[in-house]
PDB file of N, CA and C in Angstrom:
ATOM      1  N   MET A   1     -18.276  72.775 -18.710  1.00  0.00           N
ATOM      2  CA  MET A   1     -18.434  72.271 -17.379  1.00  0.00           C
ATOM      3  C   MET A   1     -17.739  70.925 -17.247  1.00  0.00           C
ATOM      4  N   LEU A   2     -17.181  70.693 -16.094  1.00  0.00           N
ATOM      5  CA  LEU A   2     -16.430  69.472 -15.846  1.00  0.00           C
ATOM      6  C   LEU A   2     -17.362  68.357 -15.390  1.00  0.00           C
ATOM      7  N   LYS A   3     -17.286  67.234 -16.051  1.00  0.00           N
ATOM      8  CA  LYS A   3     -18.115  66.078 -15.698  1.00  0.00           C
ATOM      9  C   LYS A   3     -17.245  65.086 -14.941  1.00  0.00           C
ATOM     10  N   ILE A   4     -17.561  64.855 -13.661  1.00  0.00           N
ATOM     11  CA  ILE A   4     -16.795  63.919 -12.847  1.00  0.00           C
ATOM     12  C   ILE A   4     -17.751  62.918 -12.232  1.00  0.00           C
ATOM     13  N   MET A   5     -17.427  61.644 -12.380  1.00  0.00           N
ATOM     14  CA  MET A   5     -18.194  60.587 -11.728  1.00  0.00           C
ATOM     15  C   MET A   5     -17.248  59.863 -10.788  1.00  0.00           C
ATOM     16  N   TYR A   6     -17.674  59.694  -9.549  1.00  0.00           N
ATOM     17  CA  TYR A   6     -16.866  58.967  -8.591  1.00  0.00           C
ATOM     18  C   TYR A   6     -17.230  57.502  -8.625  1.00  0.00           C
ATOM     19  N   GLY A   7     -16.258  56.683  -8.292  1.00  0.00           N
ATOM     20  CA  GLY A   7     -16.481  55.255  -8.197  1.00  0.00           C
ATOM     21  C   GLY A   7     -15.397  54.627  -7.353  1.00  0.00           C
ATOM     22  N   LEU A   8     -15.586  53.383  -7.004  1.00  0.00           N
ATOM     23  CA  LEU A   8     -14.608  52.664  -6.211  1.00  0.00           C
ATOM     24  C   LEU A   8     -14.278  51.376  -6.935  1.00  0.00           C
ATOM     25  N   LEU A   9     -12.988  51.156  -7.127  1.00  0.00           N
ATOM     26  CA  LEU A   9     -12.524  49.952  -7.794  1.00  0.00           C
ATOM     27  C   LEU A   9     -11.925  48.995  -6.782  1.00  0.00           C
ATOM     28  N   SER A  10     -12.049  47.723  -7.048  1.00  0.00           N
ATOM     29  CA  SER A  10     -11.475  46.701  -6.189  1.00  0.00           C
ATOM     30  C   SER A  10      -9.961  46.698  -6.335  1.00  0.00           C
ATOM     31  N   ALA A  11      -9.255  46.730  -5.205  1.00  0.00           N
ATOM     32  CA  ALA A  11      -7.789  46.655  -5.236  1.00  0.00           C
ATOM     33  C   ALA A  11      -7.338  45.265  -5.679  1.00  0.00           C
ATOM     34  N   LYS A  12      -8.192  44.286  -5.487  1.00  0.00           N
ATOM     35  CA  LYS A  12      -7.853  42.903  -5.818  1.00  0.00           C
ATOM     36  C   LYS A  12      -7.808  42.647  -7.319  1.00  0.00           C
ATOM     37  N   ASP A  13      -8.884  43.067  -8.014  1.00  0.00           N
ATOM     38  CA  ASP A  13      -8.948  42.739  -9.440  1.00  0.00           C
ATOM     39  C   ASP A  13      -9.362  43.901 -10.346  1.00  0.00           C
ATOM     40  N   GLY A  14      -9.566  45.097  -9.778  1.00  0.00           N
ATOM     41  CA  GLY A  14      -9.887  46.267 -10.576  1.00  0.00           C
ATOM     42  C   GLY A  14     -11.333  46.385 -11.013  1.00  0.00           C
ATOM     43  N   THR A  15     -12.192  45.488 -10.547  1.00  0.00           N
ATOM     44  CA  THR A  15     -13.602  45.586 -10.919  1.00  0.00           C
ATOM     45  C   THR A  15     -14.251  46.766 -10.201  1.00  0.00           C
ATOM     46  N   THR A  16     -15.282  47.302 -10.816  1.00  0.00           N
ATOM     47  CA  THR A  16     -16.004  48.431 -10.236  1.00  0.00           C
ATOM     48  C   THR A  16     -16.921  47.933  -9.125  1.00  0.00           C
ATOM     49  N   LEU A  17     -16.736  48.500  -7.912  1.00  0.00           N
ATOM     50  CA  LEU A  17     -17.578  48.126  -6.780  1.00  0.00           C
ATOM     51  C   LEU A  17     -18.823  48.995  -6.722  1.00  0.00           C
ATOM     52  N   TRP A  18     -18.684  50.280  -7.063  1.00  0.00           N
ATOM     53  CA  TRP A  18     -19.831  51.182  -7.154  1.00  0.00           C
ATOM     54  C   TRP A  18     -19.467  52.413  -7.971  1.00  0.00           C
ATOM     55  N   LYS A  19     -20.500  53.076  -8.479  1.00  0.00           N
ATOM     56  CA  LYS A  19     -20.356  54.345  -9.191  1.00  0.00           C
ATOM     57  C   LYS A  19     -21.344  55.336  -8.595  1.00  0.00           C
ATOM     58  N   GLN A  20     -20.981  56.618  -8.621  1.00  0.00           N
ATOM     59  CA  GLN A  20     -21.854  57.671  -8.079  1.00  0.00           C
ATOM     60  C   GLN A  20     -21.920  58.793  -9.104  1.00  0.00           C
ATOM     61  N   ASP A  21     -23.098  59.006  -9.690  1.00  0.00           N
ATOM     62  CA  ASP A  21     -23.225  60.058 -10.703  1.00  0.00           C
ATOM     63  C   ASP A  21     -24.143  61.194 -10.263  1.00  0.00           C
ATOM     64  N   THR A  22     -24.578  61.191  -9.005  1.00  0.00           N
ATOM     65  CA  THR A  22     -25.460  62.239  -8.483  1.00  0.00           C
ATOM     66  C   THR A  22     -24.811  63.616  -8.536  1.00  0.00           C
ATOM     67  N   LEU A  23     -23.499  63.660  -8.453  1.00  0.00           N
ATOM     68  CA  LEU A  23     -22.786  64.940  -8.353  1.00  0.00           C
ATOM     69  C   LEU A  23     -22.165  65.389  -9.677  1.00  0.00           C
ATOM     70  N   LEU A  24     -22.660  64.854 -10.776  1.00  0.00           N
ATOM     71  CA  LEU A  24     -22.149  65.269 -12.084  1.00  0.00           C
ATOM     72  C   LEU A  24     -22.321  66.772 -12.279  1.00  0.00           C
ATOM     73  N   TYR A  25     -21.380  67.397 -12.941  1.00  0.00           N
ATOM     74  CA  TYR A  25     -21.417  68.813 -13.319  1.00  0.00           C
ATOM     75  C   TYR A  25     -21.361  69.783 -12.134  1.00  0.00           C
ATOM     76  N   ARG A  26     -20.859  69.354 -10.978  1.00  0.00           N
ATOM     77  CA  ARG A  26     -20.798  70.248  -9.819  1.00  0.00           C
ATOM     78  C   ARG A  26     -19.396  70.809  -9.598  1.00  0.00           C
ATOM     79  N   ASN A  27     -18.468  70.556 -10.502  1.00  0.00           N
ATOM     80  CA  ASN A  27     -17.085  71.036 -10.368  1.00  0.00           C
ATOM     81  C   ASN A  27     -16.529  70.710  -8.991  1.00  0.00           C
ATOM     82  N   LEU A  28     -16.349  69.430  -8.747  1.00  0.00           N
ATOM     83  CA  LEU A  28     -15.950  68.930  -7.441  1.00  0.00           C
ATOM     84  C   LEU A  28     -14.453  69.044  -7.198  1.00  0.00           C
ATOM     85  N   THR A  29     -14.105  69.123  -5.905  1.00  0.00           N
ATOM     86  CA  THR A  29     -12.701  69.096  -5.504  1.00  0.00           C
ATOM     87  C   THR A  29     -12.195  67.656  -5.569  1.00  0.00           C
ATOM     88  N   VAL A  30     -10.911  67.510  -5.369  1.00  0.00           N
ATOM     89  CA  VAL A  30     -10.336  66.179  -5.194  1.00  0.00           C
ATOM     90  C   VAL A  30     -10.917  65.609  -3.902  1.00  0.00           C
ATOM     91  N   PRO A  31     -11.311  64.341  -3.885  1.00  0.00           N
ATOM     92  CA  PRO A  31     -11.918  63.782  -2.676  1.00  0.00           C
ATOM     93  C   PRO A  31     -10.894  63.548  -1.568  1.00  0.00           C
ATOM     94  N   VAL A  32     -11.387  63.550  -0.341  1.00  0.00           N
ATOM     95  CA  VAL A  32     -10.573  63.187   0.810  1.00  0.00           C
ATOM     96  C   VAL A  32     -11.319  62.088   1.557  1.00  0.00           C
ATOM     97  N   PHE A  33     -10.586  61.078   2.009  1.00  0.00           N
ATOM     98  CA  PHE A  33     -11.177  59.998   2.793  1.00  0.00           C
ATOM     99  C   PHE A  33     -11.105  60.366   4.262  1.00  0.00           C
ATOM    100  N   TRP A  34     -12.239  60.213   4.957  1.00  0.00           N
ATOM    101  CA  TRP A  34     -12.339  60.576   6.370  1.00  0.00           C
ATOM    102  C   TRP A  34     -13.191  59.517   7.046  1.00  0.00           C
ATOM    103  N   HIS A  35     -12.544  58.597   7.752  1.00  0.00           N
ATOM    104  CA  HIS A  35     -13.204  57.448   8.370  1.00  0.00           C
ATOM    105  C   HIS A  35     -13.887  56.627   7.283  1.00  0.00           C
ATOM    106  N   ASP A  36     -15.178  56.431   7.382  1.00  0.00           N
ATOM    107  CA  ASP A  36     -15.900  55.621   6.396  1.00  0.00           C
ATOM    108  C   ASP A  36     -16.558  56.477   5.327  1.00  0.00           C
ATOM    109  N   TYR A  37     -16.033  57.674   5.123  1.00  0.00           N
ATOM    110  CA  TYR A  37     -16.666  58.615   4.200  1.00  0.00           C
ATOM    111  C   TYR A  37     -15.676  59.158   3.184  1.00  0.00           C
ATOM    112  N   ILE A  38     -16.228  59.576   2.063  1.00  0.00           N
ATOM    113  CA  ILE A  38     -15.490  60.345   1.061  1.00  0.00           C
ATOM    114  C   ILE A  38     -16.119  61.728   1.082  1.00  0.00           C
ATOM    115  N   ILE A  39     -15.304  62.759   1.236  1.00  0.00           N
ATOM    116  CA  ILE A  39     -15.785  64.140   1.317  1.00  0.00           C
ATOM    117  C   ILE A  39     -15.269  64.913   0.102  1.00  0.00           C
ATOM    118  N   VAL A  40     -16.174  65.610  -0.577  1.00  0.00           N
ATOM    119  CA  VAL A  40     -15.796  66.482  -1.687  1.00  0.00           C
ATOM    120  C   VAL A  40     -16.527  67.812  -1.527  1.00  0.00           C
ATOM    121  N   GLY A  41     -15.897  68.868  -2.021  1.00  0.00           N
ATOM    122  CA  GLY A  41     -16.532  70.183  -2.048  1.00  0.00           C
ATOM    123  C   GLY A  41     -16.933  70.519  -3.464  1.00  0.00           C
ATOM    124  N   ASP A  42     -17.758  71.572  -3.605  1.00  0.00           N
ATOM    125  CA  ASP A  42     -18.140  71.982  -4.952  1.00  0.00           C
ATOM    126  C   ASP A  42     -18.103  73.502  -5.103  1.00  0.00           C
ATOM    127  N   LYS A  43     -18.321  73.957  -6.319  1.00  0.00           N
ATOM    128  CA  LYS A  43     -18.202  75.373  -6.667  1.00  0.00           C
ATOM    129  C   LYS A  43     -19.275  76.249  -6.026  1.00  0.00           C
ATOM    130  N   GLU A  44     -20.331  75.631  -5.480  1.00  0.00           N
ATOM    131  CA  GLU A  44     -21.394  76.391  -4.837  1.00  0.00           C
ATOM    132  C   GLU A  44     -21.221  76.485  -3.319  1.00  0.00           C
ATOM    133  N   GLY A  45     -20.129  75.900  -2.797  1.00  0.00           N
ATOM    134  CA  GLY A  45     -19.854  75.985  -1.370  1.00  0.00           C
ATOM    135  C   GLY A  45     -20.433  74.856  -0.534  1.00  0.00           C
ATOM    136  N   TYR A  46     -20.790  73.748  -1.167  1.00  0.00           N
ATOM    137  CA  TYR A  46     -21.314  72.592  -0.437  1.00  0.00           C
ATOM    138  C   TYR A  46     -20.234  71.539  -0.249  1.00  0.00           C
ATOM    139  N   LEU A  47     -20.286  70.862   0.912  1.00  0.00           N
ATOM    140  CA  LEU A  47     -19.529  69.631   1.123  1.00  0.00           C
ATOM    141  C   LEU A  47     -20.502  68.482   0.913  1.00  0.00           C
ATOM    142  N   HIS A  48     -20.072  67.465   0.197  1.00  0.00           N
ATOM    143  CA  HIS A  48     -20.886  66.282  -0.054  1.00  0.00           C
ATOM    144  C   HIS A  48     -20.208  65.108   0.630  1.00  0.00           C
ATOM    145  N   ILE A  49     -21.013  64.270   1.289  1.00  0.00           N
ATOM    146  CA  ILE A  49     -20.497  63.160   2.075  1.00  0.00           C
ATOM    147  C   ILE A  49     -21.004  61.865   1.459  1.00  0.00           C
ATOM    148  N   LEU A  50     -20.071  61.028   1.031  1.00  0.00           N
ATOM    149  CA  LEU A  50     -20.414  59.752   0.413  1.00  0.00           C
ATOM    150  C   LEU A  50     -19.948  58.604   1.297  1.00  0.00           C
ATOM    151  N   SER A  51     -20.717  57.542   1.330  1.00  0.00           N
ATOM    152  CA  SER A  51     -20.315  56.323   2.021  1.00  0.00           C
ATOM    153  C   SER A  51     -19.256  55.612   1.194  1.00  0.00           C
ATOM    154  N   VAL A  52     -18.143  55.251   1.814  1.00  0.00           N
ATOM    155  CA  VAL A  52     -17.099  54.522   1.097  1.00  0.00           C
ATOM    156  C   VAL A  52     -17.609  53.154   0.663  1.00  0.00           C
ATOM    157  N   LYS A  53     -18.386  52.502   1.513  1.00  0.00           N
ATOM    158  CA  LYS A  53     -18.831  51.131   1.241  1.00  0.00           C
ATOM    159  C   LYS A  53     -19.812  51.047   0.084  1.00  0.00           C
ATOM    160  N   GLU A  54     -20.756  51.991  -0.001  1.00  0.00           N
ATOM    161  CA  GLU A  54     -21.824  51.900  -0.994  1.00  0.00           C
ATOM    162  C   GLU A  54     -21.780  52.974  -2.064  1.00  0.00           C
ATOM    163  N   GLY A  55     -21.056  54.068  -1.802  1.00  0.00           N
ATOM    164  CA  GLY A  55     -21.049  55.180  -2.734  1.00  0.00           C
ATOM    165  C   GLY A  55     -22.272  56.061  -2.616  1.00  0.00           C
ATOM    166  N   LYS A  56     -23.118  55.761  -1.655  1.00  0.00           N
ATOM    167  CA  LYS A  56     -24.362  56.494  -1.459  1.00  0.00           C
ATOM    168  C   LYS A  56     -24.075  57.887  -0.890  1.00  0.00           C
ATOM    169  N   LEU A  57     -24.792  58.889  -1.389  1.00  0.00           N
ATOM    170  CA  LEU A  57     -24.713  60.240  -0.836  1.00  0.00           C
ATOM    171  C   LEU A  57     -25.449  60.222   0.496  1.00  0.00           C
ATOM    172  N   VAL A  58     -24.715  60.429   1.597  1.00  0.00           N
ATOM    173  CA  VAL A  58     -25.321  60.326   2.930  1.00  0.00           C
ATOM    174  C   VAL A  58     -25.452  61.670   3.628  1.00  0.00           C
ATOM    175  N   GLY A  59     -24.920  62.714   3.036  1.00  0.00           N
ATOM    176  CA  GLY A  59     -25.061  64.020   3.662  1.00  0.00           C
ATOM    177  C   GLY A  59     -24.537  65.133   2.786  1.00  0.00           C
ATOM    178  N   ARG A  60     -24.965  66.338   3.136  1.00  0.00           N
ATOM    179  CA  ARG A  60     -24.541  67.532   2.398  1.00  0.00           C
ATOM    180  C   ARG A  60     -24.626  68.703   3.364  1.00  0.00           C
ATOM    181  N   GLU A  61     -23.637  69.581   3.290  1.00  0.00           N
ATOM    182  CA  GLU A  61     -23.605  70.741   4.191  1.00  0.00           C
ATOM    183  C   GLU A  61     -23.153  71.966   3.414  1.00  0.00           C
ATOM    184  N   LYS A  62     -23.913  73.055   3.516  1.00  0.00           N
ATOM    185  CA  LYS A  62     -23.519  74.325   2.897  1.00  0.00           C
ATOM    186  C   LYS A  62     -22.493  74.982   3.806  1.00  0.00           C
ATOM    187  N   ILE A  63     -21.280  75.102   3.309  1.00  0.00           N
ATOM    188  CA  ILE A  63     -20.194  75.722   4.070  1.00  0.00           C
ATOM    189  C   ILE A  63     -20.206  77.220   3.852  1.00  0.00           C
ATOM    190  N   GLY A  64     -20.605  77.637   2.672  1.00  0.00           N
ATOM    191  CA  GLY A  64     -20.697  79.056   2.383  1.00  0.00           C
ATOM    192  C   GLY A  64     -19.592  79.532   1.479  1.00  0.00           C
ATOM    193  N   GLY A  65     -19.389  80.830   1.517  1.00  0.00           N
ATOM    194  CA  GLY A  65     -18.362  81.414   0.672  1.00  0.00           C
ATOM    195  C   GLY A  65     -18.751  81.401  -0.787  1.00  0.00           C
ATOM    196  N   ASP A  66     -17.765  81.609  -1.611  1.00  0.00           N
ATOM    197  CA  ASP A  66     -17.972  81.638  -3.052  1.00  0.00           C
ATOM    198  C   ASP A  66     -17.645  80.298  -3.692  1.00  0.00           C
ATOM    199  N   GLY A  67     -17.720  79.231  -2.913  1.00  0.00           N
ATOM    200  CA  GLY A  67     -17.427  77.895  -3.423  1.00  0.00           C
ATOM    201  C   GLY A  67     -16.195  77.309  -2.774  1.00  0.00           C
ATOM    202  N   ILE A  68     -16.040  76.021  -2.953  1.00  0.00           N
ATOM    203  CA  ILE A  68     -14.878  75.290  -2.438  1.00  0.00           C
ATOM    204  C   ILE A  68     -14.105  74.821  -3.653  1.00  0.00           C
ATOM    205  N   VAL A  69     -12.897  75.309  -3.807  1.00  0.00           N
ATOM    206  CA  VAL A  69     -12.111  74.970  -4.991  1.00  0.00           C
ATOM    207  C   VAL A  69     -10.851  74.181  -4.649  1.00  0.00           C
ATOM    208  N   VAL A  70     -10.535  74.076  -3.368  1.00  0.00           N
ATOM    209  CA  VAL A  70      -9.367  73.332  -2.913  1.00  0.00           C
ATOM    210  C   VAL A  70      -9.864  72.139  -2.117  1.00  0.00           C
ATOM    211  N   SER A  71      -9.241  70.993  -2.308  1.00  0.00           N
ATOM    212  CA  SER A  71      -9.655  69.796  -1.598  1.00  0.00           C
ATOM    213  C   SER A  71      -9.604  69.985  -0.088  1.00  0.00           C
ATOM    214  N   PRO A  72     -10.622  69.509   0.632  1.00  0.00           N
ATOM    215  CA  PRO A  72     -10.547  69.523   2.097  1.00  0.00           C
ATOM    216  C   PRO A  72      -9.348  68.691   2.557  1.00  0.00           C
ATOM    217  N   ILE A  73      -8.865  68.947   3.757  1.00  0.00           N
ATOM    218  CA  ILE A  73      -7.769  68.158   4.313  1.00  0.00           C
ATOM    219  C   ILE A  73      -8.146  67.700   5.718  1.00  0.00           C
ATOM    220  N   VAL A  74      -7.511  66.626   6.156  1.00  0.00           N
ATOM    221  CA  VAL A  74      -7.712  66.106   7.504  1.00  0.00           C
ATOM    222  C   VAL A  74      -6.389  66.184   8.245  1.00  0.00           C
ATOM    223  N   VAL A  75      -6.419  66.816   9.414  1.00  0.00           N
ATOM    224  CA  VAL A  75      -5.248  66.916  10.288  1.00  0.00           C
ATOM    225  C   VAL A  75      -5.710  66.573  11.700  1.00  0.00           C
ATOM    226  N   ASP A  76      -5.051  65.595  12.324  1.00  0.00           N
ATOM    227  CA  ASP A  76      -5.405  65.179  13.684  1.00  0.00           C
ATOM    228  C   ASP A  76      -6.899  64.916  13.823  1.00  0.00           C
ATOM    229  N   ASP A  77      -7.467  64.232  12.853  1.00  0.00           N
ATOM    230  CA  ASP A  77      -8.861  63.811  12.858  1.00  0.00           C
ATOM    231  C   ASP A  77      -9.858  64.967  12.788  1.00  0.00           C
ATOM    232  N   VAL A  78      -9.417  66.119  12.323  1.00  0.00           N
ATOM    233  CA  VAL A  78     -10.301  67.263  12.111  1.00  0.00           C
ATOM    234  C   VAL A  78     -10.278  67.592  10.623  1.00  0.00           C
ATOM    235  N   LEU A  79     -11.456  67.796  10.049  1.00  0.00           N
ATOM    236  CA  LEU A  79     -11.584  68.138   8.644  1.00  0.00           C
ATOM    237  C   LEU A  79     -11.530  69.653   8.499  1.00  0.00           C
ATOM    238  N   TYR A  80     -10.644  70.137   7.644  1.00  0.00           N
ATOM    239  CA  TYR A  80     -10.529  71.575   7.370  1.00  0.00           C
ATOM    240  C   TYR A  80     -10.963  71.829   5.935  1.00  0.00           C
ATOM    241  N   VAL A  81     -11.810  72.836   5.773  1.00  0.00           N
ATOM    242  CA  VAL A  81     -12.319  73.198   4.455  1.00  0.00           C
ATOM    243  C   VAL A  81     -12.128  74.692   4.270  1.00  0.00           C
ATOM    244  N   SER A  82     -11.542  75.071   3.149  1.00  0.00           N
ATOM    245  CA  SER A  82     -11.331  76.477   2.842  1.00  0.00           C
ATOM    246  C   SER A  82     -12.212  76.867   1.662  1.00  0.00           C
ATOM    247  N   THR A  83     -12.954  77.954   1.828  1.00  0.00           N
ATOM    248  CA  THR A  83     -13.783  78.433   0.728  1.00  0.00           C
ATOM    249  C   THR A  83     -12.971  79.401  -0.129  1.00  0.00           C
ATOM    250  N   SER A  84     -13.464  79.686  -1.320  1.00  0.00           N
ATOM    251  CA  SER A  84     -12.703  80.536  -2.234  1.00  0.00           C
ATOM    252  C   SER A  84     -12.601  81.980  -1.763  1.00  0.00           C
ATOM    253  N   ASP A  85     -13.428  82.369  -0.778  1.00  0.00           N
ATOM    254  CA  ASP A  85     -13.298  83.716  -0.226  1.00  0.00           C
ATOM    255  C   ASP A  85     -12.325  83.760   0.950  1.00  0.00           C
ATOM    256  N   GLY A  86     -11.626  82.628   1.205  1.00  0.00           N
ATOM    257  CA  GLY A  86     -10.565  82.592   2.212  1.00  0.00           C
ATOM    258  C   GLY A  86     -10.997  82.142   3.589  1.00  0.00           C
ATOM    259  N   LYS A  87     -12.280  81.885   3.808  1.00  0.00           N
ATOM    260  CA  LYS A  87     -12.747  81.430   5.112  1.00  0.00           C
ATOM    261  C   LYS A  87     -12.368  79.964   5.312  1.00  0.00           C
ATOM    262  N   VAL A  88     -11.823  79.646   6.501  1.00  0.00           N
ATOM    263  CA  VAL A  88     -11.451  78.270   6.822  1.00  0.00           C
ATOM    264  C   VAL A  88     -12.434  77.744   7.862  1.00  0.00           C
ATOM    265  N   ASN A  89     -12.976  76.569   7.623  1.00  0.00           N
ATOM    266  CA  ASN A  89     -13.922  75.932   8.527  1.00  0.00           C
ATOM    267  C   ASN A  89     -13.292  74.678   9.113  1.00  0.00           C
ATOM    268  N   ARG A  90     -13.483  74.468  10.414  1.00  0.00           N
ATOM    269  CA  ARG A  90     -13.055  73.234  11.070  1.00  0.00           C
ATOM    270  C   ARG A  90     -14.304  72.425  11.384  1.00  0.00           C
ATOM    271  N   LEU A  91     -14.259  71.123  11.108  1.00  0.00           N
ATOM    272  CA  LEU A  91     -15.416  70.274  11.348  1.00  0.00           C
ATOM    273  C   LEU A  91     -15.001  69.047  12.145  1.00  0.00           C
ATOM    274  N   TYR A  92     -15.866  68.632  13.068  1.00  0.00           N
ATOM    275  CA  TYR A  92     -15.597  67.461  13.897  1.00  0.00           C
ATOM    276  C   TYR A  92     -15.471  66.191  13.067  1.00  0.00           C
ATOM    277  N   ALA A  93     -14.791  65.227  13.633  1.00  0.00           N
ATOM    278  CA  ALA A  93     -14.643  63.928  12.992  1.00  0.00           C
ATOM    279  C   ALA A  93     -15.295  62.844  13.840  1.00  0.00           C
ATOM    280  N   LEU A  94     -15.017  61.633  13.489  1.00  0.00           N
ATOM    281  CA  LEU A  94     -15.409  60.424  14.188  1.00  0.00           C
ATOM    282  C   LEU A  94     -16.918  60.277  14.292  1.00  0.00           C
ATOM    283  N   ASN A  95     -17.441  59.959  15.478  1.00  0.00           N
ATOM    284  CA  ASN A  95     -18.847  59.589  15.583  1.00  0.00           C
ATOM    285  C   ASN A  95     -19.800  60.770  15.559  1.00  0.00           C
ATOM    286  N   VAL A  96     -19.316  61.986  15.513  1.00  0.00           N
ATOM    287  CA  VAL A  96     -20.222  63.135  15.432  1.00  0.00           C
ATOM    288  C   VAL A  96     -20.242  63.750  14.035  1.00  0.00           C
ATOM    289  N   ILE A  97     -19.675  63.062  13.060  1.00  0.00           N
ATOM    290  CA  ILE A  97     -19.621  63.635  11.718  1.00  0.00           C
ATOM    291  C   ILE A  97     -21.016  63.940  11.182  1.00  0.00           C
ATOM    292  N   LEU A  98     -21.976  63.080  11.423  1.00  0.00           N
ATOM    293  CA  LEU A  98     -23.322  63.293  10.892  1.00  0.00           C
ATOM    294  C   LEU A  98     -24.328  63.274  12.031  1.00  0.00           C
ATOM    295  N   ASP A  99     -25.230  64.229  12.027  1.00  0.00           N
ATOM    296  CA  ASP A  99     -26.322  64.188  12.980  1.00  0.00           C
ATOM    297  C   ASP A  99     -27.515  63.507  12.307  1.00  0.00           C
ATOM    298  N   GLU A 100     -28.665  63.551  12.919  1.00  0.00           N
ATOM    299  CA  GLU A 100     -29.833  62.861  12.388  1.00  0.00           C
ATOM    300  C   GLU A 100     -30.256  63.377  11.018  1.00  0.00           C
ATOM    301  N   GLN A 101     -29.960  64.624  10.710  1.00  0.00           N
ATOM    302  CA  GLN A 101     -30.326  65.190   9.408  1.00  0.00           C
ATOM    303  C   GLN A 101     -29.194  65.041   8.395  1.00  0.00           C
ATOM    304  N   HIS A 102     -28.191  64.256   8.731  1.00  0.00           N
ATOM    305  CA  HIS A 102     -27.032  64.038   7.861  1.00  0.00           C
ATOM    306  C   HIS A 102     -26.291  65.339   7.556  1.00  0.00           C
ATOM    307  N   SER A 103     -26.160  66.173   8.573  1.00  0.00           N
ATOM    308  CA  SER A 103     -25.397  67.417   8.449  1.00  0.00           C
ATOM    309  C   SER A 103     -24.114  67.286   9.259  1.00  0.00           C
ATOM    310  N   LEU A 104     -23.080  67.936   8.798  1.00  0.00           N
ATOM    311  CA  LEU A 104     -21.820  67.954   9.543  1.00  0.00           C
ATOM    312  C   LEU A 104     -21.962  68.859  10.754  1.00  0.00           C
ATOM    313  N   ARG A 105     -21.310  68.517  11.837  1.00  0.00           N
ATOM    314  CA  ARG A 105     -21.309  69.378  13.013  1.00  0.00           C
ATOM    315  C   ARG A 105     -20.007  70.173  13.037  1.00  0.00           C
ATOM    316  N   ARG A 106     -20.125  71.449  13.234  1.00  0.00           N
ATOM    317  CA  ARG A 106     -18.963  72.335  13.217  1.00  0.00           C
ATOM    318  C   ARG A 106     -18.300  72.405  14.585  1.00  0.00           C
ATOM    319  N   CYS A 107     -16.986  72.608  14.565  1.00  0.00           N
ATOM    320  CA  CYS A 107     -16.253  72.865  15.801  1.00  0.00           C
ATOM    321  C   CYS A 107     -16.648  74.238  16.317  1.00  0.00           C
ATOM    322  N   VAL A 108     -16.634  74.399  17.613  1.00  0.00           N
ATOM    323  CA  VAL A 108     -16.960  75.690  18.212  1.00  0.00           C
ATOM    324  C   VAL A 108     -15.690  76.491  18.417  1.00  0.00           C
TER     325      VAL A 108
END
């Protein structure tokens, strides 16, 4: 199993600003930055939403499929996520990214 820990380093001097080990052993995708968030997918089909400033896990959404193995992408402020079964999901950006339950809102 792949062990990945995310963290943020200072561009100024390389010191560690934060580390996030909550998602260890989840076989995560390459992260994508989306506004003030870092978004990663995992092998179970979940998107995980981390705060860029604190590294705190602020949300999680089950996208489905047989897992997410390709990094999500952002085009024109819309997040696209493809599951391993070929389903593509479009998700809203900006101020509607998280609702009160910290879930992503899907495009209709």
